[in-house]
C-alpha cells in the first residue's frame, strides 16, 4: 500500500501545525474552503510543487480524501518528508468538525 499517514478532522482541530494544501478544483474551492489553506489543484501540482515549503508539515485535503492521497504520495516521491492526508476530506470536516461548512 502506501506510507502516507492519515489524520481525522478531530485531530486537525487539535493540531494547527500544518500547512493545509487543498487540491480540489477551483469551482469546489469557491463553494467551501478552510481558512488559511493553500489552494493548488491536483492537476497543477506537478508544475507547482516547488512553491511549497519543505520545512513544514503539509496536510493534503480534497472532497473525500482520494485526490489528496494521490497528492500526498506525489509530494512524498518528490522528497517532502512531512506529508499527511486528511481522512474523509472537507466533507467529513463538515460532518464531524464544523456543520457550518457547506456540503456538496
PDB file of N, CA and C in Angstrom:
ATOM      1  N   UNK A   1       0.845  -1.192   0.000  1.00  0.00           N
ATOM      2  CA  UNK A   1       0.000   0.000   0.000  1.00  0.00           C
ATOM      3  C   UNK A   1       0.881   1.244   0.000  1.00  0.00           C
ATOM      4  N   UNK A   2       0.572   2.225   0.835  1.00  0.00           N
ATOM      5  CA  UNK A   2       1.384   3.444   0.866  1.00  0.00           C
ATOM      6  C   UNK A   2       1.792   3.746   2.301  1.00  0.00           C
ATOM      7  N   UNK A   3       2.654   4.707   2.432  1.00  0.00           N
ATOM      8  CA  UNK A   3       3.124   5.065   3.770  1.00  0.00           C
ATOM      9  C   UNK A   3       2.706   6.486   4.146  1.00  0.00           C
ATOM     10  N   UNK A   4       1.597   6.941   3.621  1.00  0.00           N
ATOM     11  CA  UNK A   4       1.085   8.266   3.943  1.00  0.00           C
ATOM     12  C   UNK A   4       0.195   8.169   5.181  1.00  0.00           C
ATOM     13  N   UNK A   5       0.534   8.923   6.201  1.00  0.00           N
ATOM     14  CA  UNK A   5      -0.284   8.936   7.411  1.00  0.00           C
ATOM     15  C   UNK A   5      -1.571   9.695   7.170  1.00  0.00           C
ATOM     16  N   UNK A   6      -2.610   9.238   7.820  1.00  0.00           N
ATOM     17  CA  UNK A   6      -3.921   9.882   7.749  1.00  0.00           C
ATOM     18  C   UNK A   6      -4.198  10.544   9.093  1.00  0.00           C
ATOM     19  N   UNK A   7      -4.849  11.694   9.069  1.00  0.00           N
ATOM     20  CA  UNK A   7      -5.376  12.255  10.303  1.00  0.00           C
ATOM     21  C   UNK A   7      -6.868  12.505  10.108  1.00  0.00           C
ATOM     22  N   UNK A   8      -7.570  12.558  11.207  1.00  0.00           N
ATOM     23  CA  UNK A   8      -9.015  12.779  11.162  1.00  0.00           C
ATOM     24  C   UNK A   8      -9.298  14.265  11.330  1.00  0.00           C
ATOM     25  N   UNK A   9     -10.501  14.709  10.976  1.00  0.00           N
ATOM     26  CA  UNK A   9     -10.865  16.101  11.235  1.00  0.00           C
ATOM     27  C   UNK A   9     -10.711  16.483  12.706  1.00  0.00           C
ATOM     28  N   UNK A  10     -11.006  15.578  13.609  1.00  0.00           N
ATOM     29  CA  UNK A  10     -10.848  15.869  15.046  1.00  0.00           C
ATOM     30  C   UNK A  10      -9.396  16.139  15.396  1.00  0.00           C
ATOM     31  N   UNK A  11      -8.480  15.365  14.818  1.00  0.00           N
ATOM     32  CA  UNK A  11      -7.053  15.584  15.062  1.00  0.00           C
ATOM     33  C   UNK A  11      -6.605  16.911  14.465  1.00  0.00           C
ATOM     34  N   UNK A  12      -7.178  17.289  13.333  1.00  0.00           N
ATOM     35  CA  UNK A  12      -6.862  18.579  12.721  1.00  0.00           C
ATOM     36  C   UNK A  12      -7.268  19.715  13.643  1.00  0.00           C
ATOM     37  N   UNK A  13      -8.418  19.577  14.278  1.00  0.00           N
ATOM     38  CA  UNK A  13      -8.923  20.628  15.163  1.00  0.00           C
ATOM     39  C   UNK A  13      -7.979  20.886  16.331  1.00  0.00           C
ATOM     40  N   UNK A  14      -7.298  19.852  16.801  1.00  0.00           N
ATOM     41  CA  UNK A  14      -6.429  19.999  17.968  1.00  0.00           C
ATOM     42  C   UNK A  14      -4.977  20.251  17.598  1.00  0.00           C
ATOM     43  N   UNK A  15      -4.630  20.209  16.330  1.00  0.00           N
ATOM     44  CA  UNK A  15      -3.248  20.415  15.917  1.00  0.00           C
ATOM     45  C   UNK A  15      -3.225  21.390  14.742  1.00  0.00           C
ATOM     46  N   UNK A  16      -2.668  22.545  14.972  1.00  0.00           N
ATOM     47  CA  UNK A  16      -2.657  23.598  13.944  1.00  0.00           C
ATOM     48  C   UNK A  16      -1.270  23.809  13.342  1.00  0.00           C
ATOM     49  N   UNK A  17      -0.444  22.778  13.396  1.00  0.00           N
ATOM     50  CA  UNK A  17       0.931  22.868  12.898  1.00  0.00           C
ATOM     51  C   UNK A  17       1.056  22.669  11.398  1.00  0.00           C
ATOM     52  N   UNK A  18      -0.036  22.452  10.716  1.00  0.00           N
ATOM     53  CA  UNK A  18       0.014  22.051   9.311  1.00  0.00           C
ATOM     54  C   UNK A  18      -0.167  23.219   8.353  1.00  0.00           C
ATOM     55  N   UNK A  19       0.518  23.113   7.223  1.00  0.00           N
ATOM     56  CA  UNK A  19       0.142  23.902   6.063  1.00  0.00           C
ATOM     57  C   UNK A  19      -0.911  23.032   5.376  1.00  0.00           C
ATOM     58  N   UNK A  20      -2.118  23.544   5.267  1.00  0.00           N
ATOM     59  CA  UNK A  20      -3.209  22.776   4.671  1.00  0.00           C
ATOM     60  C   UNK A  20      -3.222  23.041   3.172  1.00  0.00           C
ATOM     61  N   UNK A  21      -3.001  21.984   2.413  1.00  0.00           N
ATOM     62  CA  UNK A  21      -2.952  22.068   0.959  1.00  0.00           C
ATOM     63  C   UNK A  21      -4.230  21.480   0.390  1.00  0.00           C
ATOM     64  N   UNK A  22      -5.063  22.332  -0.169  1.00  0.00           N
ATOM     65  CA  UNK A  22      -6.344  21.928  -0.745  1.00  0.00           C
ATOM     66  C   UNK A  22      -6.139  21.694  -2.230  1.00  0.00           C
ATOM     67  N   UNK A  23      -6.298  20.439  -2.656  1.00  0.00           N
ATOM     68  CA  UNK A  23      -6.011  20.082  -4.050  1.00  0.00           C
ATOM     69  C   UNK A  23      -7.272  19.942  -4.902  1.00  0.00           C
ATOM     70  N   UNK A  24      -8.393  20.457  -4.409  1.00  0.00           N
ATOM     71  CA  UNK A  24      -9.642  20.404  -5.187  1.00  0.00           C
ATOM     72  C   UNK A  24      -9.601  21.418  -6.328  1.00  0.00           C
ATOM     73  N   UNK A  25     -10.547  21.297  -7.222  1.00  0.00           N
ATOM     74  CA  UNK A  25     -10.659  22.221  -8.349  1.00  0.00           C
ATOM     75  C   UNK A  25     -11.182  23.575  -7.869  1.00  0.00           C
ATOM     76  N   UNK A  26     -10.980  24.600  -8.675  1.00  0.00           N
ATOM     77  CA  UNK A  26     -11.371  25.961  -8.300  1.00  0.00           C
ATOM     78  C   UNK A  26     -12.854  26.101  -7.988  1.00  0.00           C
ATOM     79  N   UNK A  27     -13.724  25.435  -8.767  1.00  0.00           N
ATOM     80  CA  UNK A  27     -15.158  25.552  -8.505  1.00  0.00           C
ATOM     81  C   UNK A  27     -15.530  24.923  -7.157  1.00  0.00           C
ATOM     82  N   UNK A  28     -14.778  23.921  -6.726  1.00  0.00           N
ATOM     83  CA  UNK A  28     -15.021  23.318  -5.408  1.00  0.00           C
ATOM     84  C   UNK A  28     -14.526  24.243  -4.301  1.00  0.00           C
ATOM     85  N   UNK A  29     -13.355  24.806  -4.514  1.00  0.00           N
ATOM     86  CA  UNK A  29     -12.756  25.756  -3.571  1.00  0.00           C
ATOM     87  C   UNK A  29     -13.687  26.943  -3.342  1.00  0.00           C
ATOM     88  N   UNK A  30     -14.294  27.418  -4.426  1.00  0.00           N
ATOM     89  CA  UNK A  30     -15.208  28.557  -4.319  1.00  0.00           C
ATOM     90  C   UNK A  30     -16.441  28.234  -3.479  1.00  0.00           C
ATOM     91  N   UNK A  31     -16.859  26.974  -3.447  1.00  0.00           N
ATOM     92  CA  UNK A  31     -18.012  26.564  -2.644  1.00  0.00           C
ATOM     93  C   UNK A  31     -17.703  26.562  -1.149  1.00  0.00           C
ATOM     94  N   UNK A  32     -16.538  26.036  -0.796  1.00  0.00           N
ATOM     95  CA  UNK A  32     -16.158  25.919   0.611  1.00  0.00           C
ATOM     96  C   UNK A  32     -14.652  25.673   0.698  1.00  0.00           C
ATOM     97  N   UNK A  33     -14.011  26.313   1.672  1.00  0.00           N
ATOM     98  CA  UNK A  33     -12.598  26.067   1.928  1.00  0.00           C
ATOM     99  C   UNK A  33     -12.282  26.353   3.388  1.00  0.00           C
ATOM    100  N   UNK A  34     -11.204  25.795   3.858  1.00  0.00           N
ATOM    101  CA  UNK A  34     -10.793  26.004   5.237  1.00  0.00           C
ATOM    102  C   UNK A  34      -9.946  27.268   5.322  1.00  0.00           C
ATOM    103  N   UNK A  35     -10.219  28.134   6.287  1.00  0.00           N
ATOM    104  CA  UNK A  35      -9.444  29.366   6.439  1.00  0.00           C
ATOM    105  C   UNK A  35      -7.952  29.067   6.565  1.00  0.00           C
ATOM    106  N   UNK A  36      -7.167  29.830   5.841  1.00  0.00           N
ATOM    107  CA  UNK A  36      -5.715  29.695   5.911  1.00  0.00           C
ATOM    108  C   UNK A  36      -5.136  28.607   5.029  1.00  0.00           C
ATOM    109  N   UNK A  37      -5.995  27.861   4.342  1.00  0.00           N
ATOM    110  CA  UNK A  37      -5.477  26.791   3.495  1.00  0.00           C
ATOM    111  C   UNK A  37      -4.926  27.356   2.188  1.00  0.00           C
ATOM    112  N   UNK A  38      -4.051  26.587   1.564  1.00  0.00           N
ATOM    113  CA  UNK A  38      -3.438  26.948   0.289  1.00  0.00           C
ATOM    114  C   UNK A  38      -4.131  26.142  -0.800  1.00  0.00           C
ATOM    115  N   UNK A  39      -4.582  26.831  -1.841  1.00  0.00           N
ATOM    116  CA  UNK A  39      -5.282  26.159  -2.939  1.00  0.00           C
ATOM    117  C   UNK A  39      -4.316  25.883  -4.076  1.00  0.00           C
ATOM    118  N   UNK A  40      -4.151  24.613  -4.393  1.00  0.00           N
ATOM    119  CA  UNK A  40      -3.306  24.198  -5.505  1.00  0.00           C
ATOM    120  C   UNK A  40      -3.928  22.924  -6.093  1.00  0.00           C
ATOM    121  N   UNK A  41      -4.743  23.064  -7.146  1.00  0.00           N
ATOM    122  CA  UNK A  41      -5.426  21.892  -7.713  1.00  0.00           C
ATOM    123  C   UNK A  41      -4.450  20.772  -8.071  1.00  0.00           C
ATOM    124  N   UNK A  42      -4.903  19.551  -7.888  1.00  0.00           N
ATOM    125  CA  UNK A  42      -4.071  18.374  -8.122  1.00  0.00           C
ATOM    126  C   UNK A  42      -3.414  18.400  -9.498  1.00  0.00           C
ATOM    127  N   UNK A  43      -4.145  18.808 -10.523  1.00  0.00           N
ATOM    128  CA  UNK A  43      -3.591  18.845 -11.872  1.00  0.00           C
ATOM    129  C   UNK A  43      -2.428  19.816 -12.039  1.00  0.00           C
ATOM    130  N   UNK A  44      -2.347  20.824 -11.180  1.00  0.00           N
ATOM    131  CA  UNK A  44      -1.257  21.803 -11.248  1.00  0.00           C
ATOM    132  C   UNK A  44      -0.072  21.424 -10.358  1.00  0.00           C
ATOM    133  N   UNK A  45      -0.278  20.451  -9.481  1.00  0.00           N
ATOM    134  CA  UNK A  45       0.759  20.097  -8.510  1.00  0.00           C
ATOM    135  C   UNK A  45       2.094  19.714  -9.146  1.00  0.00           C
ATOM    136  N   UNK A  46       2.118  18.900 -10.217  1.00  0.00           N
ATOM    137  CA  UNK A  46       3.414  18.559 -10.809  1.00  0.00           C
ATOM    138  C   UNK A  46       4.214  19.764 -11.307  1.00  0.00           C
ATOM    139  N   UNK A  47       3.524  20.825 -11.678  1.00  0.00           N
ATOM    140  CA  UNK A  47       4.207  22.018 -12.183  1.00  0.00           C
ATOM    141  C   UNK A  47       4.549  23.017 -11.078  1.00  0.00           C
ATOM    142  N   UNK A  48       3.855  22.924  -9.930  1.00  0.00           N
ATOM    143  CA  UNK A  48       3.978  23.984  -8.921  1.00  0.00           C
ATOM    144  C   UNK A  48       4.401  23.496  -7.538  1.00  0.00           C
ATOM    145  N   UNK A  49       4.711  22.227  -7.378  1.00  0.00           N
ATOM    146  CA  UNK A  49       5.046  21.725  -6.042  1.00  0.00           C
ATOM    147  C   UNK A  49       6.251  22.428  -5.426  1.00  0.00           C
ATOM    148  N   UNK A  50       7.129  22.972  -6.256  1.00  0.00           N
ATOM    149  CA  UNK A  50       8.316  23.661  -5.715  1.00  0.00           C
ATOM    150  C   UNK A  50       7.947  24.946  -4.968  1.00  0.00           C
ATOM    151  N   UNK A  51       6.706  25.411  -5.116  1.00  0.00           N
ATOM    152  CA  UNK A  51       6.247  26.587  -4.387  1.00  0.00           C
ATOM    153  C   UNK A  51       5.956  26.269  -2.919  1.00  0.00           C
ATOM    154  N   UNK A  52       5.878  24.992  -2.583  1.00  0.00           N
ATOM    155  CA  UNK A  52       5.518  24.588  -1.227  1.00  0.00           C
ATOM    156  C   UNK A  52       6.752  24.508  -0.330  1.00  0.00           C
ATOM    157  N   UNK A  53       6.612  24.874   0.932  1.00  0.00           N
ATOM    158  CA  UNK A  53       7.753  24.817   1.849  1.00  0.00           C
ATOM    159  C   UNK A  53       8.078  23.377   2.247  1.00  0.00           C
ATOM    160  N   UNK A  54       9.335  23.051   2.265  1.00  0.00           N
ATOM    161  CA  UNK A  54       9.754  21.702   2.652  1.00  0.00           C
ATOM    162  C   UNK A  54       9.956  21.580   4.161  1.00  0.00           C
ATOM    163  N   UNK A  55       9.945  22.707   4.856  1.00  0.00           N
ATOM    164  CA  UNK A  55      10.224  22.686   6.293  1.00  0.00           C
ATOM    165  C   UNK A  55       8.961  22.697   7.151  1.00  0.00           C
ATOM    166  N   UNK A  56       7.813  22.427   6.550  1.00  0.00           N
ATOM    167  CA  UNK A  56       6.546  22.389   7.283  1.00  0.00           C
ATOM    168  C   UNK A  56       5.837  21.081   7.042  1.00  0.00           C
ATOM    169  N   UNK A  57       5.009  20.694   7.998  1.00  0.00           N
ATOM    170  CA  UNK A  57       4.122  19.557   7.788  1.00  0.00           C
ATOM    171  C   UNK A  57       3.047  20.008   6.814  1.00  0.00           C
ATOM    172  N   UNK A  58       2.796  19.212   5.804  1.00  0.00           N
ATOM    173  CA  UNK A  58       1.774  19.537   4.812  1.00  0.00           C
ATOM    174  C   UNK A  58       0.640  18.531   4.945  1.00  0.00           C
ATOM    175  N   UNK A  59      -0.545  19.065   5.136  1.00  0.00           N
ATOM    176  CA  UNK A  59      -1.737  18.240   5.225  1.00  0.00           C
ATOM    177  C   UNK A  59      -2.542  18.439   3.947  1.00  0.00           C
ATOM    178  N   UNK A  60      -2.650  17.391   3.152  1.00  0.00           N
ATOM    179  CA  UNK A  60      -3.389  17.456   1.895  1.00  0.00           C
ATOM    180  C   UNK A  60      -4.860  17.154   2.142  1.00  0.00           C
ATOM    181  N   UNK A  61      -5.731  17.904   1.470  1.00  0.00           N
ATOM    182  CA  UNK A  61      -7.156  17.631   1.572  1.00  0.00           C
ATOM    183  C   UNK A  61      -7.830  17.850   0.237  1.00  0.00           C
ATOM    184  N   UNK A  62      -8.944  17.138   0.075  1.00  0.00           N
ATOM    185  CA  UNK A  62      -9.801  17.299  -1.104  1.00  0.00           C
ATOM    186  C   UNK A  62     -11.237  17.114  -0.640  1.00  0.00           C
ATOM    187  N   UNK A  63     -12.095  16.626  -1.489  1.00  0.00           N
ATOM    188  CA  UNK A  63     -13.502  16.460  -1.129  1.00  0.00           C
ATOM    189  C   UNK A  63     -13.712  15.273  -0.187  1.00  0.00           C
ATOM    190  N   UNK A  64     -13.199  14.100  -0.566  1.00  0.00           N
ATOM    191  CA  UNK A  64     -13.389  12.905   0.256  1.00  0.00           C
ATOM    192  C   UNK A  64     -12.091  12.218   0.673  1.00  0.00           C
ATOM    193  N   UNK A  65     -10.950  12.695   0.220  1.00  0.00           N
ATOM    194  CA  UNK A  65      -9.674  12.135   0.654  1.00  0.00           C
ATOM    195  C   UNK A  65      -8.917  11.315  -0.368  1.00  0.00           C
ATOM    196  N   UNK A  66      -9.472  11.131  -1.560  1.00  0.00           N
ATOM    197  CA  UNK A  66      -8.794  10.307  -2.557  1.00  0.00           C
ATOM    198  C   UNK A  66      -7.769  11.094  -3.379  1.00  0.00           C
ATOM    199  N   UNK A  67      -8.171  12.252  -3.885  1.00  0.00           N
ATOM    200  CA  UNK A  67      -7.223  13.084  -4.649  1.00  0.00           C
ATOM    201  C   UNK A  67      -6.095  13.568  -3.748  1.00  0.00           C
ATOM    202  N   UNK A  68      -6.438  13.900  -2.516  1.00  0.00           N
ATOM    203  CA  UNK A  68      -5.410  14.374  -1.593  1.00  0.00           C
ATOM    204  C   UNK A  68      -4.432  13.261  -1.243  1.00  0.00           C
ATOM    205  N   UNK A  69      -4.895  12.030  -1.224  1.00  0.00           N
ATOM    206  CA  UNK A  69      -3.993  10.885  -1.010  1.00  0.00           C
ATOM    207  C   UNK A  69      -2.980  10.818  -2.153  1.00  0.00           C
ATOM    208  N   UNK A  70      -3.465  10.982  -3.382  1.00  0.00           N
ATOM    209  CA  UNK A  70      -2.554  10.990  -4.537  1.00  0.00           C
ATOM    210  C   UNK A  70      -1.569  12.153  -4.441  1.00  0.00           C
ATOM    211  N   UNK A  71      -2.057  13.326  -4.025  1.00  0.00           N
ATOM    212  CA  UNK A  71      -1.180  14.495  -3.870  1.00  0.00           C
ATOM    213  C   UNK A  71      -0.104  14.230  -2.825  1.00  0.00           C
ATOM    214  N   UNK A  72      -0.494  13.639  -1.716  1.00  0.00           N
ATOM    215  CA  UNK A  72       0.468  13.344  -0.650  1.00  0.00           C
ATOM    216  C   UNK A  72       1.519  12.344  -1.130  1.00  0.00           C
ATOM    217  N   UNK A  73       1.090  11.325  -1.862  1.00  0.00           N
ATOM    218  CA  UNK A  73       2.034  10.346  -2.402  1.00  0.00           C
ATOM    219  C   UNK A  73       2.999  11.010  -3.382  1.00  0.00           C
ATOM    220  N   UNK A  74       2.486  11.907  -4.221  1.00  0.00           N
ATOM    221  CA  UNK A  74       3.329  12.626  -5.167  1.00  0.00           C
ATOM    222  C   UNK A  74       4.381  13.456  -4.423  1.00  0.00           C
ATOM    223  N   UNK A  75       3.942  14.212  -3.414  1.00  0.00           N
ATOM    224  CA  UNK A  75       4.876  15.054  -2.666  1.00  0.00           C
ATOM    225  C   UNK A  75       5.929  14.210  -1.955  1.00  0.00           C
ATOM    226  N   UNK A  76       5.524  13.082  -1.421  1.00  0.00           N
ATOM    227  CA  UNK A  76       6.471  12.178  -0.764  1.00  0.00           C
ATOM    228  C   UNK A  76       7.534  11.722  -1.759  1.00  0.00           C
ATOM    229  N   UNK A  77       7.112  11.392  -2.990  1.00  0.00           N
ATOM    230  CA  UNK A  77       8.055  10.972  -4.024  1.00  0.00           C
ATOM    231  C   UNK A  77       9.020  12.093  -4.395  1.00  0.00           C
ATOM    232  N   UNK A  78       8.572  13.330  -4.229  1.00  0.00           N
ATOM    233  CA  UNK A  78       9.406  14.483  -4.560  1.00  0.00           C
ATOM    234  C   UNK A  78      10.270  14.929  -3.375  1.00  0.00           C
ATOM    235  N   UNK A  79      10.278  14.154  -2.308  1.00  0.00           N
ATOM    236  CA  UNK A  79      11.187  14.427  -1.202  1.00  0.00           C
ATOM    237  C   UNK A  79      10.597  15.206  -0.039  1.00  0.00           C
ATOM    238  N   UNK A  80       9.306  15.443  -0.057  1.00  0.00           N
ATOM    239  CA  UNK A  80       8.664  16.084   1.095  1.00  0.00           C
ATOM    240  C   UNK A  80       8.476  15.005   2.159  1.00  0.00           C
ATOM    241  N   UNK A  81       9.061  15.221   3.325  1.00  0.00           N
ATOM    242  CA  UNK A  81       9.073  14.181   4.354  1.00  0.00           C
ATOM    243  C   UNK A  81       7.888  14.245   5.309  1.00  0.00           C
ATOM    244  N   UNK A  82       7.292  15.399   5.462  1.00  0.00           N
ATOM    245  CA  UNK A  82       6.232  15.577   6.447  1.00  0.00           C
ATOM    246  C   UNK A  82       4.897  15.822   5.741  1.00  0.00           C
ATOM    247  N   UNK A  83       4.353  14.784   5.125  1.00  0.00           N
ATOM    248  CA  UNK A  83       3.122  14.903   4.358  1.00  0.00           C
ATOM    249  C   UNK A  83       2.075  13.967   4.946  1.00  0.00           C
ATOM    250  N   UNK A  84       0.873  14.489   5.143  1.00  0.00           N
ATOM    251  CA  UNK A  84      -0.239  13.696   5.656  1.00  0.00           C
ATOM    252  C   UNK A  84      -1.459  13.916   4.783  1.00  0.00           C
ATOM    253  N   UNK A  85      -2.452  13.061   4.963  1.00  0.00           N
ATOM    254  CA  UNK A  85      -3.703  13.176   4.235  1.00  0.00           C
ATOM    255  C   UNK A  85      -4.843  13.333   5.237  1.00  0.00           C
ATOM    256  N   UNK A  86      -5.806  14.188   4.910  1.00  0.00           N
ATOM    257  CA  UNK A  86      -6.973  14.367   5.767  1.00  0.00           C
ATOM    258  C   UNK A  86      -8.026  13.328   5.407  1.00  0.00           C
ATOM    259  N   UNK A  87      -8.239  12.397   6.314  1.00  0.00           N
ATOM    260  CA  UNK A  87      -9.219  11.333   6.126  1.00  0.00           C
ATOM    261  C   UNK A  87     -10.614  11.922   5.920  1.00  0.00           C
ATOM    262  N   UNK A  88     -11.283  11.499   4.851  1.00  0.00           N
ATOM    263  CA  UNK A  88     -12.649  11.938   4.593  1.00  0.00           C
ATOM    264  C   UNK A  88     -12.771  13.312   3.982  1.00  0.00           C
ATOM    265  N   UNK A  89     -11.671  14.022   3.827  1.00  0.00           N
ATOM    266  CA  UNK A  89     -11.664  15.323   3.176  1.00  0.00           C
ATOM    267  C   UNK A  89     -12.526  16.381   3.843  1.00  0.00           C
ATOM    268  N   UNK A  90     -12.814  17.413   3.070  1.00  0.00           N
ATOM    269  CA  UNK A  90     -13.579  18.542   3.601  1.00  0.00           C
ATOM    270  C   UNK A  90     -15.024  18.134   3.907  1.00  0.00           C
ATOM    271  N   UNK A  91     -15.506  17.086   3.237  1.00  0.00           N
ATOM    272  CA  UNK A  91     -16.858  16.622   3.515  1.00  0.00           C
ATOM    273  C   UNK A  91     -16.965  16.076   4.938  1.00  0.00           C
ATOM    274  N   UNK A  92     -15.996  15.291   5.362  1.00  0.00           N
ATOM    275  CA  UNK A  92     -16.019  14.769   6.732  1.00  0.00           C
ATOM    276  C   UNK A  92     -15.800  15.894   7.743  1.00  0.00           C
ATOM    277  N   UNK A  93     -15.037  16.922   7.365  1.00  0.00           N
ATOM    278  CA  UNK A  93     -14.888  18.093   8.241  1.00  0.00           C
ATOM    279  C   UNK A  93     -16.244  18.727   8.507  1.00  0.00           C
ATOM    280  N   UNK A  94     -17.054  18.821   7.458  1.00  0.00           N
ATOM    281  CA  UNK A  94     -18.385  19.397   7.605  1.00  0.00           C
ATOM    282  C   UNK A  94     -19.251  18.555   8.531  1.00  0.00           C
ATOM    283  N   UNK A  95     -19.129  17.244   8.422  1.00  0.00           N
ATOM    284  CA  UNK A  95     -19.951  16.345   9.238  1.00  0.00           C
ATOM    285  C   UNK A  95     -19.469  16.249  10.686  1.00  0.00           C
ATOM    286  N   UNK A  96     -18.156  16.257  10.895  1.00  0.00           N
ATOM    287  CA  UNK A  96     -17.603  15.975  12.226  1.00  0.00           C
ATOM    288  C   UNK A  96     -17.024  17.181  12.949  1.00  0.00           C
ATOM    289  N   UNK A  97     -16.672  18.219  12.210  1.00  0.00           N
ATOM    290  CA  UNK A  97     -15.920  19.316  12.791  1.00  0.00           C
ATOM    291  C   UNK A  97     -16.684  20.634  12.819  1.00  0.00           C
ATOM    292  N   UNK A  98     -17.289  20.990  11.697  1.00  0.00           N
ATOM    293  CA  UNK A  98     -17.941  22.301  11.585  1.00  0.00           C
ATOM    294  C   UNK A  98     -19.145  22.178  10.658  1.00  0.00           C
ATOM    295  N   UNK A  99     -20.306  22.064  11.235  1.00  0.00           N
ATOM    296  CA  UNK A  99     -21.518  21.867  10.440  1.00  0.00           C
ATOM    297  C   UNK A  99     -21.901  23.101   9.614  1.00  0.00           C
ATOM    298  N   UNK A 100     -21.215  24.233   9.831  1.00  0.00           N
ATOM    299  CA  UNK A 100     -21.493  25.418   9.004  1.00  0.00           C
ATOM    300  C   UNK A 100     -20.786  25.333   7.650  1.00  0.00           C
ATOM    301  N   UNK A 101     -19.849  24.391   7.499  1.00  0.00           N
ATOM    302  CA  UNK A 101     -19.179  24.221   6.205  1.00  0.00           C
ATOM    303  C   UNK A 101     -20.172  23.611   5.222  1.00  0.00           C
ATOM    304  N   UNK A 102     -20.408  24.265   4.086  1.00  0.00           N
ATOM    305  CA  UNK A 102     -21.352  23.707   3.111  1.00  0.00           C
ATOM    306  C   UNK A 102     -20.884  22.353   2.591  1.00  0.00           C
ATOM    307  N   UNK A 103     -21.839  21.475   2.355  1.00  0.00           N
ATOM    308  CA  UNK A 103     -21.552  20.176   1.750  1.00  0.00           C
ATOM    309  C   UNK A 103     -22.022  20.206   0.292  1.00  0.00           C
ATOM    310  N   UNK A 104     -21.327  19.478  -0.535  1.00  0.00           N
ATOM    311  CA  UNK A 104     -21.712  19.384  -1.951  1.00  0.00           C
ATOM    312  C   UNK A 104     -21.495  17.979  -2.441  1.00  0.00           C
TER     313      UNK A 104
END
